[in-house]
Amino acid sequence: MKNLLLVEPLLENYATLPAAIQAGAKRVALADNLAVGGTTVSKGTMAEATRYAHEHQVSLDLLIAPRGGVSPYNDVELKIMEADLLEAQQLGVDGVIVGALTAQRQLDQEALRPLVAAAGGMSLTLSTAFDQIRPQDRGTAIDWLGVQGFDRILSVGAATDRLADWTATQRLAASAGIALVPTNVPADQVSAVAEKLGVHEFLGTQTLAK
């Protein structure tokens, strides 16, 4: 298992991309303003990062978020996200990280549908907004995500017992054909968590809750 582990770094803007690739990253995620939870990078950054990553045979994921802070998003914010997704698609970005919840902490299906459509051809990852969904609503949310073609779910896990929370999510996600990607796991714990959960992908970052 250890040799198969993929730890995807979340980078803040373009400047840290070359060093991450030189260090051996095969898949990277990019966002701006990580101190406030992450926002979409500029069009220019998006273009240059995609070019550089692909020149080095590295896959690039982009966080799509119009602002820091948690959803729900209003109509204007959703239009901004849709436009950014279309731009990312045209530039050849490999995957996107998105998330949207209602005020009741349920998956905002109405908001996500046009975003999924705009991301056609790119891999889809749900942000750690998933962690805010009530446990009793997570099964329904994951089933919907599976139908919509989501590939991955990011999760920081519950502070009280991260492993138990991840285990429950992993069980639900696997039934829908979605990969759980534990997030913000200390480097010295990655191998142990991977073995216990049977996962091989991690995102090395702070919480991305959208």
N, C-alpha and C. Protein backbone atom coordinates (compact mmCIF):
# COMPACT_ATOMS: atom_id res chain seq x y z
N MET A 1 0.83 -1.20 0.00
CA MET A 1 0.00 0.00 0.00
C MET A 1 0.86 1.25 0.00
N LYS A 2 1.94 1.22 0.75
CA LYS A 2 2.73 2.42 0.91
C LYS A 2 3.22 2.97 -0.42
N ASN A 3 3.65 2.08 -1.32
CA ASN A 3 4.19 2.53 -2.60
C ASN A 3 3.13 3.10 -3.51
N LEU A 4 1.86 2.84 -3.20
CA LEU A 4 0.78 3.30 -4.06
C LEU A 4 0.17 4.60 -3.56
N LEU A 5 0.65 5.12 -2.45
CA LEU A 5 0.05 6.31 -1.86
C LEU A 5 0.29 7.54 -2.73
N LEU A 6 -0.75 8.34 -2.87
CA LEU A 6 -0.66 9.59 -3.61
C LEU A 6 -1.11 10.71 -2.68
N VAL A 7 -0.20 11.57 -2.32
CA VAL A 7 -0.53 12.73 -1.50
C VAL A 7 -0.53 13.95 -2.42
N GLU A 8 -1.70 14.50 -2.64
CA GLU A 8 -1.87 15.63 -3.54
C GLU A 8 -1.76 16.93 -2.75
N PRO A 9 -0.74 17.74 -3.02
CA PRO A 9 -0.63 19.01 -2.29
C PRO A 9 -1.59 20.05 -2.83
N LEU A 10 -2.17 20.82 -1.92
CA LEU A 10 -2.95 21.98 -2.33
C LEU A 10 -2.04 23.19 -2.27
N LEU A 11 -1.85 23.84 -3.39
CA LEU A 11 -0.90 24.94 -3.51
C LEU A 11 -1.64 26.26 -3.60
N GLU A 12 -1.03 27.28 -3.03
CA GLU A 12 -1.61 28.61 -3.11
C GLU A 12 -0.94 29.39 -4.23
N ASN A 13 -1.62 29.46 -5.34
CA ASN A 13 -1.17 30.19 -6.52
C ASN A 13 -0.02 29.47 -7.22
N TYR A 14 0.46 30.09 -8.28
CA TYR A 14 1.39 29.43 -9.20
C TYR A 14 2.79 29.26 -8.63
N ALA A 15 3.23 30.18 -7.79
CA ALA A 15 4.63 30.26 -7.39
C ALA A 15 5.17 28.96 -6.79
N THR A 16 4.34 28.20 -6.09
CA THR A 16 4.80 26.99 -5.44
C THR A 16 4.66 25.74 -6.31
N LEU A 17 4.10 25.89 -7.50
CA LEU A 17 3.87 24.74 -8.36
C LEU A 17 5.15 24.07 -8.83
N PRO A 18 6.12 24.81 -9.38
CA PRO A 18 7.34 24.16 -9.85
C PRO A 18 8.05 23.35 -8.77
N ALA A 19 8.13 23.89 -7.56
CA ALA A 19 8.81 23.18 -6.47
C ALA A 19 8.07 21.90 -6.11
N ALA A 20 6.73 21.95 -6.10
CA ALA A 20 5.94 20.75 -5.76
C ALA A 20 6.17 19.65 -6.79
N ILE A 21 6.22 20.04 -8.05
CA ILE A 21 6.44 19.05 -9.11
C ILE A 21 7.86 18.50 -9.03
N GLN A 22 8.82 19.37 -8.77
CA GLN A 22 10.20 18.93 -8.63
C GLN A 22 10.35 17.96 -7.46
N ALA A 23 9.52 18.14 -6.44
CA ALA A 23 9.57 17.27 -5.26
C ALA A 23 8.89 15.92 -5.52
N GLY A 24 8.25 15.78 -6.68
CA GLY A 24 7.69 14.48 -7.04
C GLY A 24 6.19 14.39 -7.10
N ALA A 25 5.48 15.50 -6.92
CA ALA A 25 4.02 15.46 -6.98
C ALA A 25 3.55 15.07 -8.37
N LYS A 26 2.60 14.16 -8.44
CA LYS A 26 2.05 13.72 -9.73
C LYS A 26 0.64 14.26 -9.97
N ARG A 27 0.05 14.78 -8.92
CA ARG A 27 -1.26 15.42 -9.02
C ARG A 27 -1.26 16.56 -8.01
N VAL A 28 -1.63 17.74 -8.44
CA VAL A 28 -1.63 18.89 -7.54
C VAL A 28 -2.97 19.60 -7.63
N ALA A 29 -3.32 20.29 -6.56
CA ALA A 29 -4.53 21.12 -6.53
C ALA A 29 -4.10 22.56 -6.30
N LEU A 30 -4.85 23.48 -6.86
CA LEU A 30 -4.47 24.89 -6.82
C LEU A 30 -5.65 25.74 -6.38
N ALA A 31 -5.38 26.67 -5.46
CA ALA A 31 -6.40 27.60 -5.00
C ALA A 31 -5.70 28.88 -4.55
N ASP A 32 -6.44 29.94 -4.46
CA ASP A 32 -5.93 31.20 -3.94
C ASP A 32 -6.55 31.44 -2.56
N ASN A 33 -5.96 32.35 -1.80
CA ASN A 33 -6.56 32.79 -0.53
C ASN A 33 -6.90 31.65 0.42
N LEU A 34 -5.94 30.77 0.66
CA LEU A 34 -6.20 29.62 1.53
C LEU A 34 -6.50 30.02 2.96
N ALA A 35 -6.03 31.19 3.36
CA ALA A 35 -6.29 31.64 4.73
C ALA A 35 -7.77 31.82 5.02
N VAL A 36 -8.57 32.06 3.97
CA VAL A 36 -10.02 32.23 4.16
C VAL A 36 -10.79 31.03 3.63
N GLY A 37 -10.09 29.92 3.37
CA GLY A 37 -10.76 28.72 2.91
C GLY A 37 -10.55 28.39 1.46
N GLY A 38 -9.97 29.33 0.69
CA GLY A 38 -9.67 29.07 -0.71
C GLY A 38 -10.66 29.68 -1.66
N THR A 39 -10.14 30.28 -2.74
CA THR A 39 -10.96 30.82 -3.82
C THR A 39 -10.34 30.43 -5.15
N THR A 40 -11.08 30.63 -6.22
CA THR A 40 -10.58 30.31 -7.55
C THR A 40 -9.42 31.23 -7.93
N VAL A 41 -8.41 30.67 -8.52
CA VAL A 41 -7.28 31.48 -8.98
C VAL A 41 -7.70 32.29 -10.21
N SER A 42 -6.88 33.27 -10.58
CA SER A 42 -7.18 34.10 -11.74
C SER A 42 -7.08 33.30 -13.04
N LYS A 43 -7.66 33.83 -14.08
CA LYS A 43 -7.61 33.18 -15.40
C LYS A 43 -6.17 32.99 -15.86
N GLY A 44 -5.33 34.00 -15.64
CA GLY A 44 -3.94 33.88 -16.05
C GLY A 44 -3.20 32.80 -15.29
N THR A 45 -3.43 32.74 -13.98
CA THR A 45 -2.81 31.70 -13.17
C THR A 45 -3.29 30.33 -13.59
N MET A 46 -4.58 30.24 -13.85
CA MET A 46 -5.18 28.98 -14.29
C MET A 46 -4.50 28.48 -15.57
N ALA A 47 -4.31 29.38 -16.51
CA ALA A 47 -3.72 29.01 -17.80
C ALA A 47 -2.27 28.58 -17.65
N GLU A 48 -1.47 29.36 -16.92
CA GLU A 48 -0.06 29.04 -16.78
C GLU A 48 0.16 27.79 -15.95
N ALA A 49 -0.64 27.59 -14.92
CA ALA A 49 -0.50 26.40 -14.10
C ALA A 49 -0.85 25.14 -14.89
N THR A 50 -1.89 25.23 -15.70
CA THR A 50 -2.28 24.09 -16.53
C THR A 50 -1.18 23.75 -17.53
N ARG A 51 -0.65 24.77 -18.17
CA ARG A 51 0.43 24.56 -19.14
C ARG A 51 1.63 23.90 -18.48
N TYR A 52 2.06 24.45 -17.35
CA TYR A 52 3.26 23.94 -16.68
C TYR A 52 3.05 22.51 -16.18
N ALA A 53 1.91 22.27 -15.56
CA ALA A 53 1.63 20.93 -15.05
C ALA A 53 1.64 19.90 -16.17
N HIS A 54 0.99 20.22 -17.27
CA HIS A 54 0.89 19.25 -18.36
C HIS A 54 2.23 19.04 -19.06
N GLU A 55 3.05 20.07 -19.10
CA GLU A 55 4.39 19.91 -19.67
C GLU A 55 5.22 18.91 -18.86
N HIS A 56 4.87 18.77 -17.58
CA HIS A 56 5.60 17.86 -16.71
C HIS A 56 4.78 16.61 -16.37
N GLN A 57 3.76 16.33 -17.19
CA GLN A 57 2.93 15.13 -17.03
C GLN A 57 2.33 15.02 -15.64
N VAL A 58 1.85 16.15 -15.13
CA VAL A 58 1.22 16.21 -13.83
C VAL A 58 -0.24 16.64 -13.99
N SER A 59 -1.15 16.01 -13.25
CA SER A 59 -2.57 16.38 -13.31
C SER A 59 -2.84 17.56 -12.39
N LEU A 60 -3.73 18.43 -12.83
CA LEU A 60 -4.04 19.64 -12.07
C LEU A 60 -5.52 19.71 -11.72
N ASP A 61 -5.81 19.89 -10.43
CA ASP A 61 -7.16 20.14 -9.96
C ASP A 61 -7.26 21.59 -9.50
N LEU A 62 -8.40 22.21 -9.73
CA LEU A 62 -8.63 23.58 -9.32
C LEU A 62 -9.81 23.66 -8.35
N LEU A 63 -9.64 24.42 -7.28
CA LEU A 63 -10.77 24.75 -6.44
C LEU A 63 -11.58 25.84 -7.13
N ILE A 64 -12.88 25.63 -7.20
CA ILE A 64 -13.79 26.63 -7.78
C ILE A 64 -14.65 27.18 -6.66
N ALA A 65 -14.37 28.42 -6.27
CA ALA A 65 -15.12 29.08 -5.20
C ALA A 65 -15.00 30.58 -5.37
N PRO A 66 -16.11 31.32 -5.32
CA PRO A 66 -16.08 32.76 -5.57
C PRO A 66 -15.61 33.58 -4.37
N ARG A 67 -15.59 32.95 -3.19
CA ARG A 67 -15.21 33.68 -1.97
C ARG A 67 -14.87 32.66 -0.90
N GLY A 68 -14.25 33.17 0.18
CA GLY A 68 -14.04 32.33 1.33
C GLY A 68 -15.34 32.21 2.12
N GLY A 69 -15.34 31.33 3.10
CA GLY A 69 -16.56 31.15 3.87
C GLY A 69 -17.42 30.05 3.30
N VAL A 70 -18.43 29.68 4.06
CA VAL A 70 -19.26 28.54 3.67
C VAL A 70 -20.43 28.98 2.79
N SER A 71 -20.95 28.02 2.02
CA SER A 71 -22.15 28.26 1.23
C SER A 71 -23.35 28.28 2.20
N PRO A 72 -24.58 28.67 1.79
CA PRO A 72 -25.04 28.69 0.40
C PRO A 72 -24.54 29.90 -0.40
N TYR A 73 -24.44 29.65 -1.70
CA TYR A 73 -24.06 30.69 -2.64
C TYR A 73 -25.30 31.30 -3.25
N ASN A 74 -25.20 32.61 -3.57
CA ASN A 74 -26.33 33.25 -4.24
C ASN A 74 -26.21 33.08 -5.76
N ASP A 75 -27.19 33.57 -6.50
CA ASP A 75 -27.24 33.34 -7.95
C ASP A 75 -26.03 33.94 -8.66
N VAL A 76 -25.60 35.12 -8.23
CA VAL A 76 -24.45 35.76 -8.88
C VAL A 76 -23.19 34.94 -8.64
N GLU A 77 -23.00 34.46 -7.41
CA GLU A 77 -21.83 33.64 -7.10
C GLU A 77 -21.82 32.35 -7.92
N LEU A 78 -22.98 31.76 -8.11
CA LEU A 78 -23.06 30.54 -8.90
C LEU A 78 -22.74 30.81 -10.37
N LYS A 79 -23.15 31.97 -10.89
CA LYS A 79 -22.80 32.34 -12.26
C LYS A 79 -21.29 32.51 -12.40
N ILE A 80 -20.66 33.10 -11.39
CA ILE A 80 -19.21 33.26 -11.41
C ILE A 80 -18.53 31.89 -11.42
N MET A 81 -19.01 30.98 -10.59
CA MET A 81 -18.43 29.64 -10.54
C MET A 81 -18.60 28.91 -11.88
N GLU A 82 -19.77 29.06 -12.47
CA GLU A 82 -20.02 28.40 -13.76
C GLU A 82 -19.09 28.94 -14.84
N ALA A 83 -18.89 30.26 -14.85
CA ALA A 83 -17.98 30.87 -15.83
C ALA A 83 -16.55 30.39 -15.62
N ASP A 84 -16.13 30.28 -14.37
CA ASP A 84 -14.77 29.80 -14.08
C ASP A 84 -14.61 28.34 -14.49
N LEU A 85 -15.64 27.57 -14.29
CA LEU A 85 -15.60 26.15 -14.70
C LEU A 85 -15.46 26.02 -16.21
N LEU A 86 -16.22 26.81 -16.94
CA LEU A 86 -16.13 26.77 -18.40
C LEU A 86 -14.74 27.18 -18.88
N GLU A 87 -14.16 28.17 -18.22
CA GLU A 87 -12.80 28.60 -18.55
C GLU A 87 -11.81 27.48 -18.28
N ALA A 88 -11.95 26.83 -17.13
CA ALA A 88 -11.07 25.73 -16.78
C ALA A 88 -11.17 24.59 -17.80
N GLN A 89 -12.39 24.31 -18.21
CA GLN A 89 -12.60 23.26 -19.20
C GLN A 89 -11.90 23.59 -20.51
N GLN A 90 -12.04 24.83 -20.95
CA GLN A 90 -11.41 25.25 -22.21
C GLN A 90 -9.89 25.19 -22.14
N LEU A 91 -9.34 25.42 -20.96
CA LEU A 91 -7.89 25.41 -20.79
C LEU A 91 -7.33 23.99 -20.63
N GLY A 92 -8.21 23.02 -20.46
CA GLY A 92 -7.75 21.65 -20.33
C GLY A 92 -7.42 21.22 -18.92
N VAL A 93 -7.96 21.91 -17.93
CA VAL A 93 -7.76 21.51 -16.53
C VAL A 93 -8.29 20.10 -16.33
N ASP A 94 -7.59 19.32 -15.54
CA ASP A 94 -7.95 17.91 -15.39
C ASP A 94 -9.14 17.68 -14.46
N GLY A 95 -9.21 18.45 -13.37
CA GLY A 95 -10.28 18.22 -12.42
C GLY A 95 -10.60 19.47 -11.62
N VAL A 96 -11.78 19.47 -11.02
CA VAL A 96 -12.20 20.62 -10.22
C VAL A 96 -12.74 20.15 -8.87
N ILE A 97 -12.57 21.01 -7.89
CA ILE A 97 -13.09 20.77 -6.54
C ILE A 97 -14.20 21.79 -6.30
N VAL A 98 -15.40 21.31 -6.06
CA VAL A 98 -16.54 22.20 -5.85
C VAL A 98 -17.34 21.72 -4.64
N GLY A 99 -18.19 22.59 -4.15
CA GLY A 99 -19.08 22.21 -3.06
C GLY A 99 -20.12 23.28 -2.86
N ALA A 100 -21.32 22.88 -2.49
CA ALA A 100 -22.38 23.85 -2.20
C ALA A 100 -23.41 23.18 -1.29
N LEU A 101 -23.73 23.86 -0.20
CA LEU A 101 -24.72 23.35 0.74
C LEU A 101 -25.85 24.34 0.89
N THR A 102 -26.99 23.83 1.32
CA THR A 102 -28.12 24.69 1.65
C THR A 102 -27.92 25.23 3.06
N ALA A 103 -28.80 26.14 3.46
CA ALA A 103 -28.73 26.67 4.82
C ALA A 103 -29.00 25.59 5.86
N GLN A 104 -29.61 24.48 5.44
CA GLN A 104 -29.91 23.37 6.35
C GLN A 104 -28.79 22.32 6.37
N ARG A 105 -27.66 22.67 5.77
CA ARG A 105 -26.49 21.79 5.71
C ARG A 105 -26.76 20.52 4.93
N GLN A 106 -27.56 20.64 3.89
CA GLN A 106 -27.77 19.54 2.97
C GLN A 106 -27.10 19.90 1.64
N LEU A 107 -26.79 18.89 0.85
CA LEU A 107 -26.18 19.14 -0.45
C LEU A 107 -27.12 19.99 -1.30
N ASP A 108 -26.60 21.09 -1.86
CA ASP A 108 -27.42 21.99 -2.67
C ASP A 108 -27.43 21.47 -4.11
N GLN A 109 -28.33 20.55 -4.37
CA GLN A 109 -28.39 19.91 -5.68
C GLN A 109 -28.72 20.92 -6.79
N GLU A 110 -29.60 21.85 -6.49
CA GLU A 110 -29.98 22.85 -7.49
C GLU A 110 -28.78 23.70 -7.91
N ALA A 111 -27.94 24.04 -6.95
CA ALA A 111 -26.75 24.83 -7.25
C ALA A 111 -25.70 24.01 -7.98
N LEU A 112 -25.57 22.76 -7.61
CA LEU A 112 -24.51 21.93 -8.16
C LEU A 112 -24.78 21.43 -9.57
N ARG A 113 -26.04 21.27 -9.96
CA ARG A 113 -26.34 20.71 -11.27
C ARG A 113 -25.70 21.50 -12.42
N PRO A 114 -25.88 22.83 -12.49
CA PRO A 114 -25.24 23.57 -13.59
C PRO A 114 -23.72 23.56 -13.50
N LEU A 115 -23.18 23.45 -12.31
CA LEU A 115 -21.73 23.39 -12.15
C LEU A 115 -21.20 22.06 -12.69
N VAL A 116 -21.91 20.99 -12.42
CA VAL A 116 -21.53 19.69 -12.95
C VAL A 116 -21.56 19.72 -14.48
N ALA A 117 -22.60 20.33 -15.03
CA ALA A 117 -22.71 20.42 -16.49
C ALA A 117 -21.55 21.22 -17.08
N ALA A 118 -21.19 22.32 -16.41
CA ALA A 118 -20.11 23.17 -16.91
C ALA A 118 -18.76 22.48 -16.81
N ALA A 119 -18.64 21.51 -15.93
CA ALA A 119 -17.37 20.80 -15.73
C ALA A 119 -17.24 19.58 -16.61
N GLY A 120 -18.10 19.43 -17.60
CA GLY A 120 -18.09 18.26 -18.46
C GLY A 120 -16.70 17.89 -18.95
N GLY A 121 -16.31 16.64 -18.71
CA GLY A 121 -15.01 16.17 -19.17
C GLY A 121 -13.92 16.24 -18.11
N MET A 122 -14.13 17.02 -17.06
CA MET A 122 -13.16 17.10 -15.97
C MET A 122 -13.60 16.20 -14.82
N SER A 123 -12.63 15.71 -14.05
CA SER A 123 -13.00 14.92 -12.87
C SER A 123 -13.60 15.84 -11.82
N LEU A 124 -14.52 15.32 -11.05
CA LEU A 124 -15.26 16.10 -10.06
C LEU A 124 -14.95 15.62 -8.65
N THR A 125 -14.57 16.57 -7.79
CA THR A 125 -14.30 16.27 -6.39
C THR A 125 -15.18 17.17 -5.53
N LEU A 126 -15.88 16.58 -4.57
CA LEU A 126 -16.65 17.40 -3.63
C LEU A 126 -15.70 17.89 -2.54
N SER A 127 -15.79 19.17 -2.22
CA SER A 127 -14.93 19.76 -1.20
C SER A 127 -15.29 19.24 0.18
N THR A 128 -14.54 19.70 1.18
CA THR A 128 -14.82 19.28 2.55
C THR A 128 -16.07 19.92 3.11
N ALA A 129 -16.84 20.57 2.27
CA ALA A 129 -18.21 20.93 2.66
C ALA A 129 -18.96 19.67 3.10
N PHE A 130 -18.53 18.54 2.56
CA PHE A 130 -19.16 17.27 2.94
C PHE A 130 -19.18 17.08 4.45
N ASP A 131 -18.13 17.52 5.13
CA ASP A 131 -18.04 17.33 6.58
C ASP A 131 -19.13 18.06 7.34
N GLN A 132 -19.73 19.06 6.71
CA GLN A 132 -20.79 19.83 7.37
C GLN A 132 -22.17 19.20 7.19
N ILE A 133 -22.28 18.22 6.31
CA ILE A 133 -23.56 17.55 6.10
C ILE A 133 -23.84 16.65 7.31
N ARG A 134 -25.07 16.68 7.80
CA ARG A 134 -25.43 15.86 8.94
C ARG A 134 -25.26 14.38 8.61
N PRO A 135 -24.76 13.59 9.54
CA PRO A 135 -24.52 12.16 9.27
C PRO A 135 -25.73 11.44 8.68
N GLN A 136 -26.93 11.77 9.14
CA GLN A 136 -28.12 11.09 8.64
C GLN A 136 -28.46 11.46 7.20
N ASP A 137 -27.85 12.55 6.68
CA ASP A 137 -28.12 12.98 5.31
C ASP A 137 -27.00 12.59 4.34
N ARG A 138 -25.93 12.01 4.84
CA ARG A 138 -24.76 11.77 4.00
C ARG A 138 -24.98 10.66 2.97
N GLY A 139 -25.72 9.64 3.34
CA GLY A 139 -25.97 8.56 2.39
C GLY A 139 -26.70 9.05 1.16
N THR A 140 -27.74 9.85 1.37
CA THR A 140 -28.50 10.42 0.25
C THR A 140 -27.62 11.33 -0.59
N ALA A 141 -26.80 12.12 0.07
CA ALA A 141 -25.90 13.03 -0.65
C ALA A 141 -24.92 12.26 -1.52
N ILE A 142 -24.33 11.21 -0.97
CA ILE A 142 -23.34 10.44 -1.72
C ILE A 142 -23.99 9.72 -2.90
N ASP A 143 -25.19 9.19 -2.71
CA ASP A 143 -25.89 8.54 -3.82
C ASP A 143 -26.09 9.54 -4.97
N TRP A 144 -26.48 10.77 -4.64
CA TRP A 144 -26.68 11.79 -5.67
C TRP A 144 -25.37 12.14 -6.35
N LEU A 145 -24.31 12.27 -5.58
CA LEU A 145 -23.00 12.58 -6.15
C LEU A 145 -22.55 11.48 -7.11
N GLY A 146 -22.83 10.23 -6.75
CA GLY A 146 -22.46 9.12 -7.63
C GLY A 146 -23.18 9.19 -8.97
N VAL A 147 -24.47 9.50 -8.92
CA VAL A 147 -25.25 9.63 -10.15
C VAL A 147 -24.73 10.77 -11.02
N GLN A 148 -24.27 11.83 -10.39
CA GLN A 148 -23.79 13.01 -11.11
C GLN A 148 -22.37 12.84 -11.65
N GLY A 149 -21.72 11.76 -11.29
CA GLY A 149 -20.39 11.50 -11.84
C GLY A 149 -19.23 12.01 -11.01
N PHE A 150 -19.46 12.29 -9.73
CA PHE A 150 -18.35 12.72 -8.87
C PHE A 150 -17.39 11.54 -8.65
N ASP A 151 -16.11 11.86 -8.67
CA ASP A 151 -15.08 10.83 -8.51
C ASP A 151 -14.59 10.72 -7.07
N ARG A 152 -14.55 11.85 -6.35
CA ARG A 152 -13.91 11.86 -5.04
C ARG A 152 -14.68 12.76 -4.07
N ILE A 153 -14.50 12.48 -2.79
CA ILE A 153 -15.02 13.32 -1.71
C ILE A 153 -13.86 13.64 -0.78
N LEU A 154 -13.63 14.93 -0.52
CA LEU A 154 -12.62 15.33 0.46
C LEU A 154 -13.25 15.37 1.84
N SER A 155 -12.50 14.92 2.83
CA SER A 155 -13.02 14.96 4.20
C SER A 155 -11.89 15.12 5.19
N VAL A 156 -12.05 16.10 6.08
CA VAL A 156 -11.12 16.28 7.18
C VAL A 156 -11.46 15.31 8.31
N GLY A 157 -12.71 14.88 8.37
CA GLY A 157 -13.15 13.97 9.42
C GLY A 157 -13.57 14.71 10.68
N ALA A 158 -14.40 14.08 11.46
CA ALA A 158 -14.89 14.69 12.69
C ALA A 158 -13.77 14.83 13.70
N ALA A 159 -13.70 15.97 14.36
CA ALA A 159 -12.62 16.23 15.32
C ALA A 159 -12.65 15.24 16.48
N THR A 160 -13.82 14.74 16.83
CA THR A 160 -13.95 13.83 17.96
C THR A 160 -13.33 12.46 17.67
N ASP A 161 -13.47 11.99 16.42
CA ASP A 161 -12.90 10.70 16.04
C ASP A 161 -12.79 10.66 14.52
N ARG A 162 -11.68 11.15 14.01
CA ARG A 162 -11.53 11.24 12.55
C ARG A 162 -11.61 9.88 11.88
N LEU A 163 -10.97 8.88 12.46
CA LEU A 163 -10.93 7.57 11.82
C LEU A 163 -12.32 6.95 11.73
N ALA A 164 -13.10 7.06 12.79
CA ALA A 164 -14.45 6.51 12.78
C ALA A 164 -15.31 7.24 11.74
N ASP A 165 -15.16 8.54 11.67
CA ASP A 165 -15.93 9.32 10.70
C ASP A 165 -15.53 8.95 9.28
N TRP A 166 -14.24 8.84 9.02
CA TRP A 166 -13.77 8.43 7.69
C TRP A 166 -14.25 7.03 7.34
N THR A 167 -14.25 6.14 8.32
CA THR A 167 -14.68 4.76 8.07
C THR A 167 -16.13 4.73 7.61
N ALA A 168 -16.98 5.50 8.28
CA ALA A 168 -18.40 5.56 7.90
C ALA A 168 -18.55 6.16 6.50
N THR A 169 -17.80 7.22 6.22
CA THR A 169 -17.87 7.85 4.90
C THR A 169 -17.35 6.92 3.83
N GLN A 170 -16.26 6.24 4.12
CA GLN A 170 -15.67 5.31 3.15
C GLN A 170 -16.66 4.22 2.75
N ARG A 171 -17.41 3.72 3.72
CA ARG A 171 -18.38 2.68 3.44
C ARG A 171 -19.47 3.19 2.49
N LEU A 172 -19.96 4.40 2.76
CA LEU A 172 -20.99 4.98 1.91
C LEU A 172 -20.45 5.32 0.52
N ALA A 173 -19.25 5.90 0.49
CA ALA A 173 -18.66 6.33 -0.78
C ALA A 173 -18.37 5.13 -1.68
N ALA A 174 -17.83 4.08 -1.10
CA ALA A 174 -17.48 2.90 -1.89
C ALA A 174 -18.70 2.31 -2.58
N SER A 175 -19.85 2.35 -1.90
CA SER A 175 -21.07 1.79 -2.48
C SER A 175 -21.54 2.59 -3.69
N ALA A 176 -21.11 3.85 -3.78
CA ALA A 176 -21.49 4.71 -4.90
C ALA A 176 -20.37 4.84 -5.93
N GLY A 177 -19.28 4.12 -5.72
CA GLY A 177 -18.17 4.18 -6.66
C GLY A 177 -17.37 5.47 -6.56
N ILE A 178 -17.35 6.08 -5.38
CA ILE A 178 -16.64 7.34 -5.16
C ILE A 178 -15.49 7.08 -4.19
N ALA A 179 -14.35 7.74 -4.45
CA ALA A 179 -13.19 7.57 -3.59
C ALA A 179 -13.20 8.60 -2.46
N LEU A 180 -12.97 8.14 -1.25
CA LEU A 180 -12.77 9.04 -0.12
C LEU A 180 -11.32 9.51 -0.14
N VAL A 181 -11.12 10.83 0.00
CA VAL A 181 -9.77 11.40 0.05
C VAL A 181 -9.61 12.11 1.40
N PRO A 182 -9.02 11.45 2.38
CA PRO A 182 -8.77 12.11 3.68
C PRO A 182 -7.89 13.35 3.47
N THR A 183 -8.20 14.39 4.20
CA THR A 183 -7.57 15.69 3.99
C THR A 183 -6.92 16.20 5.27
N ASN A 184 -5.78 16.85 5.08
CA ASN A 184 -5.07 17.46 6.22
C ASN A 184 -4.62 16.42 7.23
N VAL A 185 -4.05 15.32 6.73
CA VAL A 185 -3.53 14.26 7.58
C VAL A 185 -2.02 14.48 7.77
N PRO A 186 -1.54 14.50 9.00
CA PRO A 186 -0.10 14.65 9.23
C PRO A 186 0.70 13.60 8.46
N ALA A 187 1.84 14.00 7.93
CA ALA A 187 2.63 13.12 7.08
C ALA A 187 2.98 11.80 7.75
N ASP A 188 3.23 11.85 9.06
CA ASP A 188 3.63 10.62 9.75
C ASP A 188 2.46 9.69 10.06
N GLN A 189 1.24 10.12 9.70
CA GLN A 189 0.06 9.28 9.93
C GLN A 189 -0.57 8.76 8.64
N VAL A 190 -0.07 9.24 7.50
CA VAL A 190 -0.69 8.89 6.22
C VAL A 190 -0.70 7.38 5.99
N SER A 191 0.42 6.72 6.16
CA SER A 191 0.50 5.29 5.89
C SER A 191 -0.45 4.49 6.77
N ALA A 192 -0.52 4.85 8.05
CA ALA A 192 -1.39 4.13 8.97
C ALA A 192 -2.85 4.33 8.61
N VAL A 193 -3.23 5.56 8.28
CA VAL A 193 -4.61 5.84 7.90
C VAL A 193 -4.96 5.10 6.60
N ALA A 194 -4.03 5.11 5.66
CA ALA A 194 -4.26 4.42 4.39
C ALA A 194 -4.51 2.93 4.61
N GLU A 195 -3.73 2.34 5.49
CA GLU A 195 -3.88 0.91 5.75
C GLU A 195 -5.21 0.60 6.43
N LYS A 196 -5.59 1.42 7.38
CA LYS A 196 -6.82 1.17 8.12
C LYS A 196 -8.06 1.37 7.27
N LEU A 197 -8.01 2.37 6.37
CA LEU A 197 -9.19 2.69 5.55
C LEU A 197 -9.19 2.00 4.20
N GLY A 198 -8.02 1.56 3.75
CA GLY A 198 -7.93 0.99 2.42
C GLY A 198 -8.01 2.04 1.33
N VAL A 199 -7.52 3.25 1.63
CA VAL A 199 -7.51 4.33 0.63
C VAL A 199 -6.07 4.57 0.19
N HIS A 200 -5.91 5.24 -0.95
CA HIS A 200 -4.55 5.50 -1.42
C HIS A 200 -4.31 6.95 -1.83
N GLU A 201 -5.35 7.78 -1.70
CA GLU A 201 -5.19 9.19 -2.04
C GLU A 201 -5.44 10.07 -0.82
N PHE A 202 -4.65 11.11 -0.70
CA PHE A 202 -4.80 12.10 0.37
C PHE A 202 -4.62 13.48 -0.22
N LEU A 203 -5.24 14.47 0.41
CA LEU A 203 -5.01 15.86 0.04
C LEU A 203 -4.33 16.54 1.21
N GLY A 204 -3.15 17.09 0.97
CA GLY A 204 -2.39 17.69 2.04
C GLY A 204 -2.68 19.18 2.16
N THR A 205 -3.66 19.52 2.97
CA THR A 205 -4.07 20.92 3.05
C THR A 205 -4.90 21.19 4.28
N GLN A 206 -5.27 22.44 4.43
CA GLN A 206 -6.25 22.84 5.45
C GLN A 206 -7.64 22.54 4.92
N THR A 207 -8.64 22.75 5.75
CA THR A 207 -10.02 22.49 5.36
C THR A 207 -10.45 23.34 4.17
N LEU A 208 -11.09 22.68 3.23
CA LEU A 208 -11.68 23.36 2.09
C LEU A 208 -13.18 23.16 2.16
N ALA A 209 -13.86 23.98 2.89
CA ALA A 209 -15.30 23.82 3.08
C ALA A 209 -16.03 24.88 2.30
N LYS A 210 -16.75 24.47 1.28
CA LYS A 210 -17.46 25.39 0.41
C LYS A 210 -18.93 25.02 0.33
